[in-house]
Protein backbone atom coordinates (compact mmCIF):
# COMPACT_ATOMS: atom_id res chain seq x y z
CA MET A 1 68.78 119.34 113.73
CA THR A 2 69.61 118.66 117.40
CA ASP A 3 72.73 118.70 119.70
CA ASP A 4 72.73 114.97 120.33
CA ASP A 5 71.53 114.03 116.66
CA ARG A 6 74.35 116.18 115.20
CA GLU A 7 77.51 114.38 117.90
CA LYS A 8 76.02 110.72 116.83
CA ALA A 9 76.29 111.93 113.12
CA ILE A 10 80.05 112.82 114.32
CA ALA A 11 80.77 109.62 115.52
CA ALA A 12 78.58 107.49 113.01
CA ARG A 13 81.29 109.66 110.05
CA ARG A 14 84.10 108.79 112.82
CA ARG A 15 84.03 105.01 112.51
CA LEU A 16 82.94 105.41 109.06
CA ALA A 17 86.35 106.82 108.47
CA GLY A 18 88.33 104.27 111.13
CA PHE A 19 86.26 101.96 109.02
CA ARG A 20 87.92 103.34 105.54
CA ASN A 21 91.23 103.13 106.66
CA HIS A 22 91.18 99.61 108.53
CA LEU A 23 90.00 99.04 104.60
CA ILE A 24 92.71 100.49 102.92
CA GLY A 25 95.67 99.39 104.97
CA TYR A 26 94.34 95.77 104.56
CA PHE A 27 94.03 96.06 100.65
CA LEU A 28 97.73 97.73 100.81
CA ALA A 29 99.26 94.83 102.99
CA MET A 30 97.13 92.49 100.71
CA THR A 31 98.36 93.87 97.61
CA LEU A 32 102.14 93.34 98.95
CA ILE A 33 102.15 90.28 100.66
CA VAL A 34 100.54 88.74 98.38
CA PRO A 35 103.29 88.83 95.30
CA ILE A 36 105.73 88.62 98.06
CA ASN A 37 104.23 84.65 98.89
CA TYR A 38 104.43 83.98 95.38
CA ILE A 39 107.81 84.92 94.63
CA ALA A 40 109.49 83.65 98.14
CA SER A 41 107.44 80.57 98.67
CA PRO A 42 104.70 80.03 95.85
CA ASP A 43 104.12 75.79 96.91
CA ASN A 44 103.10 76.74 100.64
CA PRO A 45 100.54 80.10 100.56
CA TRP A 46 101.08 81.59 103.81
CA PHE A 47 99.60 85.03 103.06
CA LEU A 48 95.78 83.16 103.93
CA LEU A 49 96.56 83.24 107.35
CA PRO A 50 97.42 87.22 107.45
CA MET A 51 94.16 87.35 105.24
CA ILE A 52 91.16 85.39 107.12
CA GLY A 53 92.50 86.76 110.13
CA TRP A 54 93.15 90.56 109.54
CA GLY A 55 89.75 90.43 107.24
CA ALA A 56 87.69 88.46 109.90
CA LEU A 57 88.74 91.90 112.37
CA LEU A 58 88.20 93.55 108.99
CA GLY A 59 84.13 92.43 109.38
CA ILE A 60 83.45 92.96 112.87
CA HIS A 61 84.98 96.57 112.54
CA ALA A 62 82.32 97.11 109.48
CA ALA A 63 79.30 95.80 111.88
CA PHE A 64 81.10 98.42 114.30
CA ALA A 65 81.05 100.77 111.61
CA MET A 66 77.43 100.07 110.79
CA GLY A 67 76.51 100.34 114.39
CA LEU A 68 74.99 96.82 114.63
CA PHE A 69 76.94 96.49 117.62
CA GLY A 70 74.57 98.88 119.72
CA VAL A 71 71.65 96.64 118.89
CA PHE A 72 73.00 93.90 121.50
CA ARG A 73 72.91 96.83 124.06
CA GLY A 74 69.76 98.05 123.22
CA LYS A 75 70.84 101.13 121.15
CA LYS A 76 69.29 102.52 118.36
CA ASP A 77 71.87 104.85 117.06
């Protein structure tokens, strides 16, 4: 394994670790927000806005962690 391959592997692990932390934070926040919404105002599902908005950003982060943005730049990571 060359130094370049090692650096790519380290960068990939860091991207996946960052995504994992983002995903854990998302699920923790949603497990708090949804019950609070149903207790405080059950007729108004305001939790959907942060769930969808943050979920969209999480999807973009997932694509970045998998290296899909490198495809658009011509890289093969």
